[in-house]
């Protein structure tokens, strides 16, 4: 819980313009460690796919960890 939530909050509060413009994932796809062919194609996707990936990162790292405090089904969903 703490690792995921902290990761999302640090990204948002860092003041980095690429996270606030939702373009950081495009940079990540280009420069990720151990790049592979999937990263090449992800980098060349249209810009709204990169923005959608950023929204998904914030959703998964800030909101989903709170499912760990719910019912057993919610915990399994959050862990999945």
C-alpha atoms as a PDB file:
ATOM      1  CA  UNK A   1       0.000   0.000   0.000  1.00  0.00           C
ATOM      2  CA  UNK A   2       2.589   2.515   1.102  1.00  0.00           C
ATOM      3  CA  UNK A   3       4.931   1.897  -1.832  1.00  0.00           C
ATOM      4  CA  UNK A   4       2.230   2.222  -4.482  1.00  0.00           C
ATOM      5  CA  UNK A   5       0.555   5.257  -2.927  1.00  0.00           C
ATOM      6  CA  UNK A   6       3.866   7.026  -2.307  1.00  0.00           C
ATOM      7  CA  UNK A   7       4.967   6.373  -5.866  1.00  0.00           C
ATOM      8  CA  UNK A   8       1.864   8.022  -7.293  1.00  0.00           C
ATOM      9  CA  UNK A   9       1.907  10.972  -4.915  1.00  0.00           C
ATOM     10  CA  UNK A  10       5.606  11.675  -5.515  1.00  0.00           C
ATOM     11  CA  UNK A  11       5.010  11.737  -9.266  1.00  0.00           C
ATOM     12  CA  UNK A  12       2.180  14.225  -8.907  1.00  0.00           C
ATOM     13  CA  UNK A  13       3.783  16.477  -6.284  1.00  0.00           C
ATOM     14  CA  UNK A  14       7.216  16.533  -7.912  1.00  0.00           C
ATOM     15  CA  UNK A  15       6.274  19.522 -10.045  1.00  0.00           C
ATOM     16  CA  UNK A  16       7.630  17.781 -13.129  1.00  0.00           C
ATOM     17  CA  UNK A  17       5.946  19.332 -16.160  1.00  0.00           C
ATOM     18  CA  UNK A  18       5.843  16.043 -18.042  1.00  0.00           C
ATOM     19  CA  UNK A  19       3.752  14.361 -15.328  1.00  0.00           C
ATOM     20  CA  UNK A  20       1.408  17.340 -15.102  1.00  0.00           C
ATOM     21  CA  UNK A  21       1.032  17.452 -18.899  1.00  0.00           C
ATOM     22  CA  UNK A  22       0.505  13.662 -18.911  1.00  0.00           C
ATOM     23  CA  UNK A  23       3.351  13.109 -21.355  1.00  0.00           C
ATOM     24  CA  UNK A  24       5.823  11.337 -19.080  1.00  0.00           C
ATOM     25  CA  UNK A  25       4.976   7.873 -20.345  1.00  0.00           C
ATOM     26  CA  UNK A  26       6.085   8.802 -23.840  1.00  0.00           C
ATOM     27  CA  UNK A  27       9.514   9.628 -22.424  1.00  0.00           C
ATOM     28  CA  UNK A  28       9.477   6.399 -20.407  1.00  0.00           C
ATOM     29  CA  UNK A  29       8.727   4.279 -23.463  1.00  0.00           C
ATOM     30  CA  UNK A  30      11.683   5.855 -25.242  1.00  0.00           C
ATOM     31  CA  UNK A  31      14.247   5.576 -22.428  1.00  0.00           C
ATOM     32  CA  UNK A  32      13.110   2.655 -20.268  1.00  0.00           C
ATOM     33  CA  UNK A  33      15.726   0.347 -18.845  1.00  0.00           C
ATOM     34  CA  UNK A  34      16.167  -2.824 -20.865  1.00  0.00           C
ATOM     35  CA  UNK A  35      14.226  -1.487 -23.868  1.00  0.00           C
ATOM     36  CA  UNK A  36      12.524  -3.990 -26.112  1.00  0.00           C
ATOM     37  CA  UNK A  37      10.537  -3.937 -29.325  1.00  0.00           C
ATOM     38  CA  UNK A  38       7.306  -3.292 -27.389  1.00  0.00           C
ATOM     39  CA  UNK A  39       8.728  -0.037 -26.048  1.00  0.00           C
ATOM     40  CA  UNK A  40       9.630   1.031 -29.583  1.00  0.00           C
ATOM     41  CA  UNK A  41       6.070   0.562 -30.763  1.00  0.00           C
ATOM     42  CA  UNK A  42       4.605   2.114 -27.605  1.00  0.00           C
ATOM     43  CA  UNK A  43       6.782   5.194 -28.143  1.00  0.00           C
ATOM     44  CA  UNK A  44       5.420   5.587 -31.666  1.00  0.00           C
ATOM     45  CA  UNK A  45       1.766   5.380 -30.638  1.00  0.00           C
ATOM     46  CA  UNK A  46      -0.342   8.490 -30.999  1.00  0.00           C
ATOM     47  CA  UNK A  47      -0.082  11.035 -28.193  1.00  0.00           C
ATOM     48  CA  UNK A  48      -3.471  10.329 -26.626  1.00  0.00           C
ATOM     49  CA  UNK A  49      -2.363   6.741 -25.950  1.00  0.00           C
ATOM     50  CA  UNK A  50       0.557   8.127 -23.947  1.00  0.00           C
ATOM     51  CA  UNK A  51      -1.791  10.426 -22.037  1.00  0.00           C
ATOM     52  CA  UNK A  52      -4.115   7.509 -21.349  1.00  0.00           C
ATOM     53  CA  UNK A  53      -1.159   5.535 -19.988  1.00  0.00           C
ATOM     54  CA  UNK A  54      -0.347   8.418 -17.614  1.00  0.00           C
ATOM     55  CA  UNK A  55      -3.948   8.551 -16.393  1.00  0.00           C
ATOM     56  CA  UNK A  56      -3.793   4.809 -15.842  1.00  0.00           C
ATOM     57  CA  UNK A  57      -0.533   5.100 -13.864  1.00  0.00           C
ATOM     58  CA  UNK A  58      -2.066   7.674 -11.520  1.00  0.00           C
ATOM     59  CA  UNK A  59      -5.253   5.624 -11.164  1.00  0.00           C
ATOM     60  CA  UNK A  60      -3.337   2.442 -10.367  1.00  0.00           C
ATOM     61  CA  UNK A  61      -0.865   4.063  -7.990  1.00  0.00           C
ATOM     62  CA  UNK A  62      -3.113   6.479  -6.079  1.00  0.00           C
ATOM     63  CA  UNK A  63      -6.630   5.019  -6.037  1.00  0.00           C
ATOM     64  CA  UNK A  64      -6.295   1.244  -6.327  1.00  0.00           C
ATOM     65  CA  UNK A  65      -4.157   0.761  -3.174  1.00  0.00           C
ATOM     66  CA  UNK A  66      -7.147   1.820  -1.055  1.00  0.00           C
ATOM     67  CA  UNK A  67      -8.881  -1.402  -2.133  1.00  0.00           C
ATOM     68  CA  UNK A  68      -6.488  -3.239   0.204  1.00  0.00           C
ATOM     69  CA  UNK A  69      -8.560  -1.996   3.146  1.00  0.00           C
ATOM     70  CA  UNK A  70     -11.834  -3.359   1.798  1.00  0.00           C
ATOM     71  CA  UNK A  71     -13.547  -6.716   1.748  1.00  0.00           C
ATOM     72  CA  UNK A  72     -11.652  -9.844   0.688  1.00  0.00           C
ATOM     73  CA  UNK A  73     -13.000  -9.510  -2.859  1.00  0.00           C
ATOM     74  CA  UNK A  74     -11.858  -5.889  -3.023  1.00  0.00           C
ATOM     75  CA  UNK A  75      -8.408  -6.929  -1.763  1.00  0.00           C
ATOM     76  CA  UNK A  76      -8.090  -9.585  -4.442  1.00  0.00           C
ATOM     77  CA  UNK A  77      -9.191  -7.102  -7.090  1.00  0.00           C
ATOM     78  CA  UNK A  78      -6.677  -4.530  -5.887  1.00  0.00           C
ATOM     79  CA  UNK A  79      -3.874  -7.075  -5.762  1.00  0.00           C
ATOM     80  CA  UNK A  80      -4.741  -8.317  -9.245  1.00  0.00           C
END
